[in-house]
């Protein structure tokens, strides 16, 4: 990519990032630390390729929107409830760090030139792109599953025992939540394909094969949510606080244990499930494309 083109893209990404961050901060979707972390993350994604920026934005906007759905009901269930979500820098990095690293490697190899999923042209590039798609399919799937599953009329069941548990229990799943996770992954795959049609040139047969990423991303969203639930049920503590009348993630004298060991917190669970889904999706793309 020519230097002028890189400079233009950098300027566009910087302005866009500031505008999005200002809006998100005003709407309490992120706090100040989240803003300061999110801006360079967005710049990295846009410099690497418009499709990567699109995946990040689709995840961020849909997650923020769903966080606001049924806020009053969630306030009564979620012990960590924050109006609008108010994600901090740790949460921003937990949902973007791996993809950002892959995007930097992709940009370094290809000089900001976007490429299709095609192992005949480059297996490394295909693996990197597939990993980024899997990353955001997992993040989106987990968010949609949690936010919509919490509002489900059905009682969640612990993924390890299938026994009914209170809403807000780590590892609790509902049919509605799992379907939402698959739909969230599908949206990520669809965004990748549609933006790619406008910004990326591929040979005819290769271009049509890009549509295969939609079911792959759907599966990544579903499986990523399942992995998150499994880790949450086993390695993340959940207990019922008799004082607050809510499910909490920390032990205490008024807390009755429901499930899980106190090994990982929510950000740790997210990071492990995202890393696992990223690797699996990357390998899958090497076989499919």
Protein backbone atom coordinates (compact mmCIF):
# COMPACT_ATOMS: atom_id res chain seq x y z
CA UNK A 1 0.00 0.00 0.00
CA UNK A 2 1.32 3.46 -0.92
CA UNK A 3 2.40 5.84 1.84
CA UNK A 4 -0.32 8.38 0.94
CA UNK A 5 -2.98 5.70 1.22
CA UNK A 6 -1.69 4.61 4.63
CA UNK A 7 -1.69 8.21 5.85
CA UNK A 8 -5.25 8.74 4.64
CA UNK A 9 -6.45 5.53 6.27
CA UNK A 10 -4.68 6.48 9.52
CA UNK A 11 -6.33 9.92 9.55
CA UNK A 12 -9.75 8.41 8.81
CA UNK A 13 -9.31 5.75 11.48
CA UNK A 14 -8.22 8.32 14.07
CA UNK A 15 -11.18 10.63 13.42
CA UNK A 16 -13.64 7.73 13.31
CA UNK A 17 -12.24 6.25 16.52
CA UNK A 18 -12.53 9.54 18.40
CA UNK A 19 -16.12 10.07 17.25
CA UNK A 20 -17.17 6.53 18.20
CA UNK A 21 -15.33 6.69 21.52
CA UNK A 22 -16.93 10.05 22.40
CA UNK A 23 -20.39 8.69 21.63
CA UNK A 24 -19.74 5.50 23.60
CA UNK A 25 -18.43 7.45 26.60
CA UNK A 26 -21.45 9.76 26.54
CA UNK A 27 -23.79 6.76 26.47
CA UNK A 28 -21.80 5.08 29.27
CA UNK A 29 -20.93 2.07 27.10
CA UNK A 30 -17.29 2.51 28.19
CA UNK A 31 -15.52 4.44 30.91
CA UNK A 32 -12.53 6.76 30.34
CA UNK A 33 -10.00 3.92 30.54
CA UNK A 34 -12.03 2.01 27.96
CA UNK A 35 -11.99 5.03 25.65
CA UNK A 36 -8.21 5.44 25.91
CA UNK A 37 -7.74 1.74 25.16
CA UNK A 38 -10.39 1.48 22.47
CA UNK A 39 -9.06 4.26 20.25
CA UNK A 40 -5.69 2.62 19.43
CA UNK A 41 -7.45 -0.75 19.06
CA UNK A 42 -9.78 0.73 16.42
CA UNK A 43 -6.88 2.41 14.62
CA UNK A 44 -4.99 -0.90 14.46
CA UNK A 45 -7.99 -2.71 13.00
CA UNK A 46 -8.70 -0.08 10.36
CA UNK A 47 -5.07 0.14 9.26
CA UNK A 48 -4.99 -3.65 8.90
CA UNK A 49 -8.15 -3.69 6.78
CA UNK A 50 -11.65 -2.26 6.61
CA UNK A 51 -13.16 -5.70 7.15
CA UNK A 52 -11.41 -6.03 10.50
CA UNK A 53 -12.65 -2.61 11.57
CA UNK A 54 -16.15 -3.68 10.51
CA UNK A 55 -15.99 -6.81 12.69
CA UNK A 56 -14.88 -4.76 15.68
CA UNK A 57 -17.64 -2.20 15.13
CA UNK A 58 -20.36 -4.83 14.62
CA UNK A 59 -19.33 -6.49 17.86
CA UNK A 60 -19.12 -3.24 19.79
CA UNK A 61 -22.39 -1.72 18.59
CA UNK A 62 -24.48 -4.89 18.87
CA UNK A 63 -23.02 -5.70 22.30
CA UNK A 64 -23.67 -2.16 23.54
CA UNK A 65 -27.20 -2.21 22.18
CA UNK A 66 -28.09 -5.55 23.75
CA UNK A 67 -26.58 -4.50 27.07
CA UNK A 68 -29.28 -1.81 27.26
CA UNK A 69 -32.13 -4.20 26.47
CA UNK A 70 -34.10 -5.02 29.61
CA UNK A 71 -31.80 -3.02 31.88
CA UNK A 72 -34.27 -2.96 34.78
CA UNK A 73 -34.62 -6.74 34.80
CA UNK A 74 -30.84 -7.16 34.56
CA UNK A 75 -30.34 -4.70 37.43
CA UNK A 76 -32.32 -7.04 39.67
CA UNK A 77 -30.35 -10.11 38.55
CA UNK A 78 -26.76 -9.05 37.89
CA UNK A 79 -24.68 -8.20 40.96
CA UNK A 80 -22.10 -6.48 38.71
CA UNK A 81 -24.68 -4.46 36.78
CA UNK A 82 -23.54 -1.10 35.38
CA UNK A 83 -25.79 1.25 33.46
CA UNK A 84 -24.94 1.03 29.77
CA UNK A 85 -22.24 -1.57 30.48
CA UNK A 86 -19.43 0.93 31.17
CA UNK A 87 -16.68 -1.41 29.97
CA UNK A 88 -13.21 -0.57 31.28
CA UNK A 89 -9.79 -1.06 29.72
CA UNK A 90 -9.48 -4.63 31.00
CA UNK A 91 -12.78 -5.62 29.36
CA UNK A 92 -11.83 -3.82 26.14
CA UNK A 93 -8.54 -5.71 25.93
CA UNK A 94 -10.16 -9.03 26.89
CA UNK A 95 -12.40 -8.62 23.85
CA UNK A 96 -9.87 -7.23 21.39
CA UNK A 97 -6.24 -7.95 22.37
CA UNK A 98 -5.83 -11.24 20.52
CA UNK A 99 -7.51 -9.93 17.36
CA UNK A 100 -5.37 -6.77 17.55
CA UNK A 101 -2.17 -8.83 17.66
CA UNK A 102 -3.31 -10.91 14.68
CA UNK A 103 -4.28 -7.73 12.81
CA UNK A 104 -0.81 -6.23 13.41
CA UNK A 105 0.86 -9.38 12.07
CA UNK A 106 -1.50 -9.38 9.07
CA UNK A 107 -0.72 -5.73 8.30
CA UNK A 108 3.03 -6.30 8.67
CA UNK A 109 2.91 -9.17 6.19
CA UNK A 110 0.57 -7.62 3.64
CA UNK A 111 1.32 -3.91 4.07
CA UNK A 112 -2.29 -3.02 4.74
CA UNK A 113 -3.46 -4.80 1.56
CA UNK A 114 -6.60 -6.78 2.39
CA UNK A 115 -6.79 -10.38 1.11
CA UNK A 116 -9.41 -13.07 0.76
CA UNK A 117 -9.46 -16.40 2.56
CA UNK A 118 -7.43 -18.48 0.12
CA UNK A 119 -4.70 -20.92 1.18
CA UNK A 120 -3.50 -21.25 -2.42
CA UNK A 121 -2.39 -17.64 -2.23
CA UNK A 122 -1.30 -17.60 1.42
CA UNK A 123 -1.96 -20.10 4.21
CA UNK A 124 -0.56 -17.72 6.82
CA UNK A 125 -2.87 -14.90 5.79
CA UNK A 126 -5.87 -17.23 5.69
CA UNK A 127 -5.06 -18.49 9.18
CA UNK A 128 -4.71 -14.96 10.54
CA UNK A 129 -7.97 -13.74 9.00
CA UNK A 130 -9.79 -16.86 10.14
CA UNK A 131 -8.50 -16.32 13.66
CA UNK A 132 -9.77 -12.73 13.76
CA UNK A 133 -13.19 -13.85 12.55
CA UNK A 134 -13.29 -16.58 15.18
CA UNK A 135 -12.23 -14.09 17.84
CA UNK A 136 -15.13 -11.73 17.22
CA UNK A 137 -17.62 -14.51 16.59
CA UNK A 138 -16.78 -15.84 20.06
CA UNK A 139 -16.91 -12.42 21.73
CA UNK A 140 -20.19 -11.56 20.04
CA UNK A 141 -21.65 -14.98 20.76
CA UNK A 142 -20.81 -14.80 24.44
CA UNK A 143 -22.25 -11.28 24.75
CA UNK A 144 -25.48 -12.01 22.89
CA UNK A 145 -25.92 -15.26 24.80
CA UNK A 146 -25.40 -13.58 28.19
CA UNK A 147 -27.46 -10.46 27.53
CA UNK A 148 -30.43 -12.20 25.87
CA UNK A 149 -30.20 -15.40 27.90
CA UNK A 150 -30.59 -13.39 31.08
CA UNK A 151 -33.94 -12.15 29.77
CA UNK A 152 -35.15 -15.63 28.78
CA UNK A 153 -38.36 -16.85 30.37
CA UNK A 154 -36.82 -20.29 30.84
CA UNK A 155 -34.66 -21.13 33.83
CA UNK A 156 -30.97 -21.66 32.96
CA UNK A 157 -29.35 -25.05 33.47
CA UNK A 158 -25.75 -25.56 34.56
CA UNK A 159 -23.87 -26.86 31.53
CA UNK A 160 -21.99 -29.49 33.55
CA UNK A 161 -24.94 -31.07 35.42
CA UNK A 162 -28.02 -29.77 33.53
CA UNK A 163 -29.57 -28.85 36.87
CA UNK A 164 -31.57 -25.63 36.98
CA UNK A 165 -29.72 -22.70 38.55
CA UNK A 166 -30.47 -19.06 39.31
CA UNK A 167 -30.13 -16.53 36.51
CA UNK A 168 -26.71 -14.93 36.54
CA UNK A 169 -24.94 -18.17 37.49
CA UNK A 170 -21.70 -18.65 35.57
CA UNK A 171 -22.09 -21.66 33.30
CA UNK A 172 -25.87 -21.46 33.21
CA UNK A 173 -27.28 -21.86 29.69
CA UNK A 174 -30.68 -21.54 28.01
CA UNK A 175 -31.86 -22.53 24.55
CA UNK A 176 -32.55 -18.86 23.82
CA UNK A 177 -29.01 -17.95 24.84
CA UNK A 178 -27.38 -20.64 22.70
CA UNK A 179 -29.44 -19.68 19.64
CA UNK A 180 -28.45 -16.05 20.24
CA UNK A 181 -24.77 -17.07 20.30
CA UNK A 182 -25.07 -18.79 16.91
CA UNK A 183 -26.92 -15.77 15.49
CA UNK A 184 -24.22 -13.45 16.83
CA UNK A 185 -21.52 -15.46 15.08
CA UNK A 186 -23.58 -15.43 11.88
CA UNK A 187 -23.74 -11.62 12.00
CA UNK A 188 -19.95 -11.46 12.26
CA UNK A 189 -19.52 -13.79 9.28
CA UNK A 190 -22.08 -11.85 7.27
CA UNK A 191 -20.36 -8.54 8.03
CA UNK A 192 -17.03 -9.96 6.90
CA UNK A 193 -18.47 -11.15 3.59
CA UNK A 194 -20.51 -8.04 2.80
CA UNK A 195 -17.73 -5.56 3.56
CA UNK A 196 -15.32 -7.79 1.66
CA UNK A 197 -17.48 -7.57 -1.45
CA UNK A 198 -16.95 -3.80 -1.41
CA UNK A 199 -13.32 -3.57 -0.32
CA UNK A 200 -11.50 -6.75 -1.36
CA UNK A 201 -10.81 -8.07 -4.85
CA UNK A 202 -10.93 -11.85 -5.27
CA UNK A 203 -11.06 -14.22 -8.22
CA UNK A 204 -14.60 -15.38 -9.03
CA UNK A 205 -14.44 -18.87 -7.50
CA UNK A 206 -12.53 -17.60 -4.46
CA UNK A 207 -15.06 -14.79 -3.93
CA UNK A 208 -17.96 -17.23 -3.81
CA UNK A 209 -16.13 -19.46 -1.33
CA UNK A 210 -15.94 -16.53 1.11
CA UNK A 211 -19.63 -17.15 1.90
CA UNK A 212 -18.58 -20.37 3.67
CA UNK A 213 -17.28 -18.20 6.51
CA UNK A 214 -20.88 -17.45 7.54
CA UNK A 215 -21.67 -20.98 8.85
CA UNK A 216 -18.13 -21.23 10.23
CA UNK A 217 -18.58 -17.99 12.18
CA UNK A 218 -22.00 -19.17 13.37
CA UNK A 219 -20.42 -22.34 14.72
CA UNK A 220 -17.64 -20.27 16.32
CA UNK A 221 -20.20 -18.09 18.09
CA UNK A 222 -22.07 -21.14 19.38
CA UNK A 223 -18.98 -23.13 20.38
CA UNK A 224 -17.30 -20.10 21.92
CA UNK A 225 -20.34 -19.51 24.11
CA UNK A 226 -20.36 -23.18 25.12
CA UNK A 227 -16.66 -23.03 25.99
CA UNK A 228 -17.24 -19.86 28.02
CA UNK A 229 -20.08 -21.56 29.89
CA UNK A 230 -18.02 -24.69 30.57
CA UNK A 231 -15.14 -22.65 31.98
CA UNK A 232 -17.56 -20.51 33.96
CA UNK A 233 -19.22 -23.55 35.51
CA UNK A 234 -15.94 -25.17 36.55
CA UNK A 235 -13.22 -22.56 37.06
CA UNK A 236 -15.26 -19.49 38.02
CA UNK A 237 -16.98 -19.24 41.38
CA UNK A 238 -20.71 -18.58 41.59
CA UNK A 239 -22.62 -18.20 44.83
CA UNK A 240 -25.92 -16.87 46.12
CA UNK A 241 -25.68 -13.94 48.52
CA UNK A 242 -28.45 -14.23 51.10
CA UNK A 243 -28.01 -10.54 51.98
CA UNK A 244 -28.15 -9.05 48.48
CA UNK A 245 -30.47 -11.77 47.12
CA UNK A 246 -28.33 -12.07 44.00
CA UNK A 247 -25.80 -14.42 42.41
CA UNK A 248 -22.27 -13.14 43.08
CA UNK A 249 -18.80 -14.08 41.92
CA UNK A 250 -16.94 -13.80 45.22
CA UNK A 251 -16.98 -15.89 48.37
CA UNK A 252 -18.15 -14.41 51.66
CA UNK A 253 -19.85 -15.18 54.98
CA UNK A 254 -23.31 -14.56 53.51
CA UNK A 255 -22.62 -16.43 50.23
CA UNK A 256 -23.81 -19.98 49.54
CA UNK A 257 -21.77 -21.72 46.84
CA UNK A 258 -23.60 -22.73 43.66
CA UNK A 259 -20.78 -23.93 41.42
CA UNK A 260 -17.20 -23.49 40.24
CA UNK A 261 -13.75 -22.97 41.72
CA UNK A 262 -12.32 -19.54 42.38
CA UNK A 263 -9.57 -19.79 39.73
CA UNK A 264 -10.64 -17.46 36.92
CA UNK A 265 -12.68 -14.26 36.95
CA UNK A 266 -15.00 -13.26 34.13
CA UNK A 267 -12.24 -11.61 32.10
CA UNK A 268 -10.03 -14.68 32.49
CA UNK A 269 -12.82 -16.98 31.31
CA UNK A 270 -13.44 -14.72 28.31
CA UNK A 271 -9.76 -14.66 27.40
CA UNK A 272 -9.39 -18.46 27.48
CA UNK A 273 -12.57 -19.10 25.50
CA UNK A 274 -11.66 -16.44 22.93
CA UNK A 275 -8.14 -17.84 22.49
CA UNK A 276 -9.48 -21.38 22.07
CA UNK A 277 -12.12 -20.33 19.54
CA UNK A 278 -9.61 -18.19 17.65
CA UNK A 279 -7.24 -21.14 17.24
CA UNK A 280 -9.96 -23.61 16.22
CA UNK A 281 -11.50 -21.21 13.69
CA UNK A 282 -8.09 -20.40 12.25
CA UNK A 283 -7.31 -24.09 11.72
CA UNK A 284 -10.78 -24.71 10.28
CA UNK A 285 -10.25 -21.98 7.69
CA UNK A 286 -6.95 -23.57 6.64
CA UNK A 287 -8.83 -26.76 5.79
CA UNK A 288 -11.91 -25.13 4.22
CA UNK A 289 -10.26 -22.42 2.15
